[in-house]
Amino acid sequence: MAFKSVSLFSDDFDTARVKIDALNLYASIQHLKRDAETVLKPIHIYVGSQTDAFVVQAAKIQIDDNAPVRYVYSEMESHVLLEGGLHEIGRFNLPAGDHRIRAEIVALASNAGPSTKRIFPSIDQYVKVDDEIHIELSLLSDGLKKMLGGAELVVSDWRPSL
């Protein structure tokens, strides 16, 4: 009789273990389903310049509350931007939805003397991510901004064509 009670206890223990394993398996499946629904979309961010009045010296980009990406341009890189080149400052994988982009550019007038002050144009705006996107942040100085010795940072959403 004592042997039979141990056997019953053993069956209860095995049943409990199977139930725990089933619950763990169910939780894992639900987690995988949630991950599959949260598909990440690539976002590429480029820095460029649409003005010959200023030379880009540095850039800082931050998406949402993630750590900012900072880049200091060499003299050669700054001149490539001045000639219309683009620099991919970051490639990020983000879930679909609205994301906050904050960016700041440090620039110096292209004919600057030793005591010329730098300018710090910046943006703080939201972009909608629903597929792979390419965003260009360009320094622009025209009209009144150019007359006052300033520039602004403009955002363009584009996709490269083949």
C-alpha atoms as a PDB file:
ATOM      1  CA  MET A   1       0.000   0.000   0.000  1.00  0.00           C
ATOM      2  CA  ALA A   2       2.837   2.389   0.808  1.00  0.00           C
ATOM      3  CA  PHE A   3       4.315   1.586  -2.573  1.00  0.00           C
ATOM      4  CA  LYS A   4       1.063   2.546  -4.306  1.00  0.00           C
ATOM      5  CA  SER A   5       0.892   5.965  -2.564  1.00  0.00           C
ATOM      6  CA  VAL A   6       4.433   6.766  -3.690  1.00  0.00           C
ATOM      7  CA  SER A   7       3.416   5.828  -7.205  1.00  0.00           C
ATOM      8  CA  LEU A   8       0.394   8.166  -7.044  1.00  0.00           C
ATOM      9  CA  PHE A   9       2.602  10.975  -5.784  1.00  0.00           C
ATOM     10  CA  SER A  10       4.996  10.305  -8.641  1.00  0.00           C
ATOM     11  CA  ASP A  11       2.128  10.576 -11.178  1.00  0.00           C
ATOM     12  CA  ASP A  12       1.010  13.878  -9.624  1.00  0.00           C
ATOM     13  CA  PHE A  13       4.563  15.188  -9.795  1.00  0.00           C
ATOM     14  CA  ASP A  14       4.899  14.173 -13.475  1.00  0.00           C
ATOM     15  CA  THR A  15       1.539  15.776 -14.290  1.00  0.00           C
ATOM     16  CA  ALA A  16       2.596  19.001 -12.591  1.00  0.00           C
ATOM     17  CA  ARG A  17       5.869  19.026 -14.533  1.00  0.00           C
ATOM     18  CA  VAL A  18       4.008  18.484 -17.835  1.00  0.00           C
ATOM     19  CA  LYS A  19       1.635  21.355 -16.975  1.00  0.00           C
ATOM     20  CA  ILE A  20       4.575  23.669 -16.204  1.00  0.00           C
ATOM     21  CA  ASP A  21       6.319  22.675 -19.444  1.00  0.00           C
ATOM     22  CA  ALA A  22       3.096  23.291 -21.389  1.00  0.00           C
ATOM     23  CA  LEU A  23       2.683  26.738 -19.811  1.00  0.00           C
ATOM     24  CA  ASN A  24       6.312  27.629 -20.599  1.00  0.00           C
ATOM     25  CA  LEU A  25       5.855  26.447 -24.192  1.00  0.00           C
ATOM     26  CA  TYR A  26       2.657  28.495 -24.524  1.00  0.00           C
ATOM     27  CA  ALA A  27       4.416  31.612 -23.151  1.00  0.00           C
ATOM     28  CA  SER A  28       7.282  31.115 -25.625  1.00  0.00           C
ATOM     29  CA  ILE A  29       4.861  30.807 -28.546  1.00  0.00           C
ATOM     30  CA  GLN A  30       3.034  33.991 -27.498  1.00  0.00           C
ATOM     31  CA  HIS A  31       6.365  35.832 -27.205  1.00  0.00           C
ATOM     32  CA  LEU A  32       7.394  34.678 -30.699  1.00  0.00           C
ATOM     33  CA  LYS A  33       4.018  35.822 -32.110  1.00  0.00           C
ATOM     34  CA  ARG A  34       4.473  39.254 -30.544  1.00  0.00           C
ATOM     35  CA  ASP A  35       8.009  39.512 -31.973  1.00  0.00           C
ATOM     36  CA  ALA A  36       6.759  38.504 -35.429  1.00  0.00           C
ATOM     37  CA  GLU A  37       4.155  41.282 -35.303  1.00  0.00           C
ATOM     38  CA  THR A  38       6.825  43.849 -34.382  1.00  0.00           C
ATOM     39  CA  VAL A  39       8.712  43.832 -37.663  1.00  0.00           C
ATOM     40  CA  LEU A  40      11.576  46.298 -37.700  1.00  0.00           C
ATOM     41  CA  LYS A  41      11.973  48.628 -40.666  1.00  0.00           C
ATOM     42  CA  PRO A  42      15.368  49.994 -41.765  1.00  0.00           C
ATOM     43  CA  ILE A  43      15.810  53.771 -41.687  1.00  0.00           C
ATOM     44  CA  HIS A  44      18.885  55.386 -43.270  1.00  0.00           C
ATOM     45  CA  ILE A  45      19.891  58.925 -42.320  1.00  0.00           C
ATOM     46  CA  TYR A  46      22.247  61.015 -44.461  1.00  0.00           C
ATOM     47  CA  VAL A  47      23.884  64.394 -43.913  1.00  0.00           C
ATOM     48  CA  GLY A  48      24.377  66.737 -46.849  1.00  0.00           C
ATOM     49  CA  SER A  49      24.684  70.393 -47.773  1.00  0.00           C
ATOM     50  CA  GLN A  50      22.763  72.478 -50.277  1.00  0.00           C
ATOM     51  CA  THR A  51      24.808  75.606 -49.730  1.00  0.00           C
ATOM     52  CA  ASP A  52      28.313  76.758 -50.535  1.00  0.00           C
ATOM     53  CA  ALA A  53      28.137  79.423 -47.821  1.00  0.00           C
ATOM     54  CA  PHE A  54      28.846  76.995 -44.931  1.00  0.00           C
ATOM     55  CA  VAL A  55      31.090  74.026 -44.297  1.00  0.00           C
ATOM     56  CA  VAL A  56      29.630  71.209 -42.184  1.00  0.00           C
ATOM     57  CA  GLN A  57      31.998  70.341 -39.348  1.00  0.00           C
ATOM     58  CA  ALA A  58      29.988  67.968 -37.151  1.00  0.00           C
ATOM     59  CA  ALA A  59      26.569  66.372 -36.779  1.00  0.00           C
ATOM     60  CA  LYS A  60      24.547  64.823 -33.984  1.00  0.00           C
ATOM     61  CA  ILE A  61      21.461  62.681 -34.644  1.00  0.00           C
ATOM     62  CA  GLN A  62      19.124  61.153 -32.063  1.00  0.00           C
ATOM     63  CA  ILE A  63      16.104  58.958 -32.731  1.00  0.00           C
ATOM     64  CA  ASP A  64      13.477  58.755 -30.002  1.00  0.00           C
ATOM     65  CA  ASP A  65      15.316  58.446 -26.682  1.00  0.00           C
ATOM     66  CA  ASN A  66      18.158  56.289 -28.017  1.00  0.00           C
ATOM     67  CA  ALA A  67      21.770  57.339 -27.574  1.00  0.00           C
ATOM     68  CA  PRO A  68      22.749  60.081 -30.039  1.00  0.00           C
ATOM     69  CA  VAL A  69      25.048  59.361 -32.971  1.00  0.00           C
ATOM     70  CA  ARG A  70      27.818  61.954 -33.300  1.00  0.00           C
ATOM     71  CA  TYR A  71      30.210  62.478 -36.189  1.00  0.00           C
ATOM     72  CA  VAL A  72      33.026  64.988 -36.682  1.00  0.00           C
ATOM     73  CA  TYR A  73      33.933  65.589 -40.322  1.00  0.00           C
ATOM     74  CA  SER A  74      37.483  65.834 -41.557  1.00  0.00           C
ATOM     75  CA  GLU A  75      38.395  68.731 -43.832  1.00  0.00           C
ATOM     76  CA  MET A  76      38.206  66.450 -46.875  1.00  0.00           C
ATOM     77  CA  GLU A  77      34.774  65.076 -45.860  1.00  0.00           C
ATOM     78  CA  SER A  78      33.487  68.615 -45.285  1.00  0.00           C
ATOM     79  CA  HIS A  79      34.564  69.600 -48.785  1.00  0.00           C
ATOM     80  CA  VAL A  80      32.869  66.526 -50.270  1.00  0.00           C
ATOM     81  CA  LEU A  81      29.621  67.611 -48.542  1.00  0.00           C
ATOM     82  CA  LEU A  82      30.190  71.128 -49.861  1.00  0.00           C
ATOM     83  CA  GLU A  83      30.391  69.677 -53.384  1.00  0.00           C
ATOM     84  CA  GLY A  84      27.029  67.915 -52.998  1.00  0.00           C
ATOM     85  CA  GLY A  85      28.098  64.612 -51.487  1.00  0.00           C
ATOM     86  CA  LEU A  86      26.134  62.742 -48.824  1.00  0.00           C
ATOM     87  CA  HIS A  87      27.299  60.947 -45.711  1.00  0.00           C
ATOM     88  CA  GLU A  88      25.250  58.088 -44.238  1.00  0.00           C
ATOM     89  CA  ILE A  89      25.526  58.964 -40.570  1.00  0.00           C
ATOM     90  CA  GLY A  90      23.326  56.143 -39.356  1.00  0.00           C
ATOM     91  CA  ARG A  91      21.305  53.075 -40.213  1.00  0.00           C
ATOM     92  CA  PHE A  92      18.679  52.054 -37.687  1.00  0.00           C
ATOM     93  CA  ASN A  93      16.047  49.330 -37.396  1.00  0.00           C
ATOM     94  CA  LEU A  94      12.808  50.691 -35.958  1.00  0.00           C
ATOM     95  CA  PRO A  95       9.289  49.356 -35.492  1.00  0.00           C
ATOM     96  CA  ALA A  96       6.614  50.855 -37.713  1.00  0.00           C
ATOM     97  CA  GLY A  97       5.069  54.065 -36.401  1.00  0.00           C
ATOM     98  CA  ASP A  98       6.021  57.645 -35.607  1.00  0.00           C
ATOM     99  CA  HIS A  99       9.559  58.331 -34.426  1.00  0.00           C
ATOM    100  CA  ARG A 100      11.138  61.537 -33.170  1.00  0.00           C
ATOM    101  CA  ILE A 101      14.301  62.696 -34.920  1.00  0.00           C
ATOM    102  CA  ARG A 102      16.441  65.367 -33.343  1.00  0.00           C
ATOM    103  CA  ALA A 103      19.493  66.582 -35.204  1.00  0.00           C
ATOM    104  CA  GLU A 104      22.024  69.359 -34.903  1.00  0.00           C
ATOM    105  CA  ILE A 105      24.714  70.409 -37.365  1.00  0.00           C
ATOM    106  CA  VAL A 106      27.804  72.429 -36.522  1.00  0.00           C
ATOM    107  CA  ALA A 107      28.881  74.572 -39.469  1.00  0.00           C
ATOM    108  CA  LEU A 108      31.315  77.365 -40.186  1.00  0.00           C
ATOM    109  CA  ALA A 109      31.081  79.974 -42.925  1.00  0.00           C
ATOM    110  CA  SER A 110      33.128  78.815 -45.905  1.00  0.00           C
ATOM    111  CA  ASN A 111      35.028  82.139 -45.990  1.00  0.00           C
ATOM    112  CA  ALA A 112      35.426  82.255 -42.197  1.00  0.00           C
ATOM    113  CA  GLY A 113      38.249  84.013 -40.474  1.00  0.00           C
ATOM    114  CA  PRO A 114      39.818  82.904 -37.192  1.00  0.00           C
ATOM    115  CA  SER A 115      37.224  84.661 -34.999  1.00  0.00           C
ATOM    116  CA  THR A 116      34.108  83.703 -36.967  1.00  0.00           C
ATOM    117  CA  LYS A 117      31.456  82.022 -34.858  1.00  0.00           C
ATOM    118  CA  ARG A 118      29.966  78.684 -35.793  1.00  0.00           C
ATOM    119  CA  ILE A 119      26.267  78.161 -36.424  1.00  0.00           C
ATOM    120  CA  PHE A 120      24.184  75.330 -34.957  1.00  0.00           C
ATOM    121  CA  PRO A 121      21.032  74.713 -37.031  1.00  0.00           C
ATOM    122  CA  SER A 122      18.828  71.966 -35.627  1.00  0.00           C
ATOM    123  CA  ILE A 123      15.545  70.120 -36.139  1.00  0.00           C
ATOM    124  CA  ASP A 124      13.158  68.281 -33.853  1.00  0.00           C
ATOM    125  CA  GLN A 125      10.375  66.518 -35.713  1.00  0.00           C
ATOM    126  CA  TYR A 126       8.536  63.252 -36.157  1.00  0.00           C
ATOM    127  CA  VAL A 127       8.759  60.930 -39.141  1.00  0.00           C
ATOM    128  CA  LYS A 128       6.443  58.061 -39.967  1.00  0.00           C
ATOM    129  CA  VAL A 129       8.156  54.731 -40.544  1.00  0.00           C
ATOM    130  CA  ASP A 130       6.036  52.168 -42.385  1.00  0.00           C
ATOM    131  CA  ASP A 131       8.654  50.760 -44.732  1.00  0.00           C
ATOM    132  CA  GLU A 132      12.379  51.194 -45.394  1.00  0.00           C
ATOM    133  CA  ILE A 133      13.067  54.941 -45.680  1.00  0.00           C
ATOM    134  CA  HIS A 134      15.976  57.212 -46.490  1.00  0.00           C
ATOM    135  CA  ILE A 135      16.121  60.626 -44.851  1.00  0.00           C
ATOM    136  CA  GLU A 136      18.484  63.405 -45.855  1.00  0.00           C
ATOM    137  CA  LEU A 137      19.331  66.182 -43.416  1.00  0.00           C
ATOM    138  CA  SER A 138      20.710  69.071 -45.449  1.00  0.00           C
ATOM    139  CA  LEU A 139      22.161  72.410 -44.520  1.00  0.00           C
ATOM    140  CA  LEU A 140      20.400  75.156 -46.497  1.00  0.00           C
ATOM    141  CA  SER A 141      21.177  78.870 -46.608  1.00  0.00           C
ATOM    142  CA  ASP A 142      19.086  81.021 -48.895  1.00  0.00           C
ATOM    143  CA  GLY A 143      17.030  84.191 -48.854  1.00  0.00           C
ATOM    144  CA  LEU A 144      16.889  86.040 -45.555  1.00  0.00           C
ATOM    145  CA  LYS A 145      18.845  83.337 -43.726  1.00  0.00           C
ATOM    146  CA  LYS A 146      21.747  83.810 -46.141  1.00  0.00           C
ATOM    147  CA  MET A 147      21.589  87.602 -45.817  1.00  0.00           C
ATOM    148  CA  LEU A 148      21.729  87.291 -42.023  1.00  0.00           C
ATOM    149  CA  GLY A 149      24.617  84.824 -42.168  1.00  0.00           C
ATOM    150  CA  GLY A 150      22.581  81.855 -41.044  1.00  0.00           C
ATOM    151  CA  ALA A 151      21.343  78.506 -42.288  1.00  0.00           C
ATOM    152  CA  GLU A 152      18.661  75.998 -41.516  1.00  0.00           C
ATOM    153  CA  LEU A 153      18.493  72.233 -41.436  1.00  0.00           C
ATOM    154  CA  VAL A 154      15.925  70.731 -43.810  1.00  0.00           C
ATOM    155  CA  VAL A 155      14.618  67.171 -43.897  1.00  0.00           C
ATOM    156  CA  SER A 156      13.937  65.291 -47.140  1.00  0.00           C
ATOM    157  CA  ASP A 157      12.491  61.803 -47.343  1.00  0.00           C
ATOM    158  CA  TRP A 158      13.699  60.004 -50.447  1.00  0.00           C
ATOM    159  CA  ARG A 159      14.360  56.602 -51.841  1.00  0.00           C
ATOM    160  CA  PRO A 160      17.315  55.963 -54.128  1.00  0.00           C
ATOM    161  CA  SER A 161      16.438  54.953 -57.656  1.00  0.00           C
ATOM    162  CA  LEU A 162      18.245  52.307 -59.631  1.00  0.00           C
END
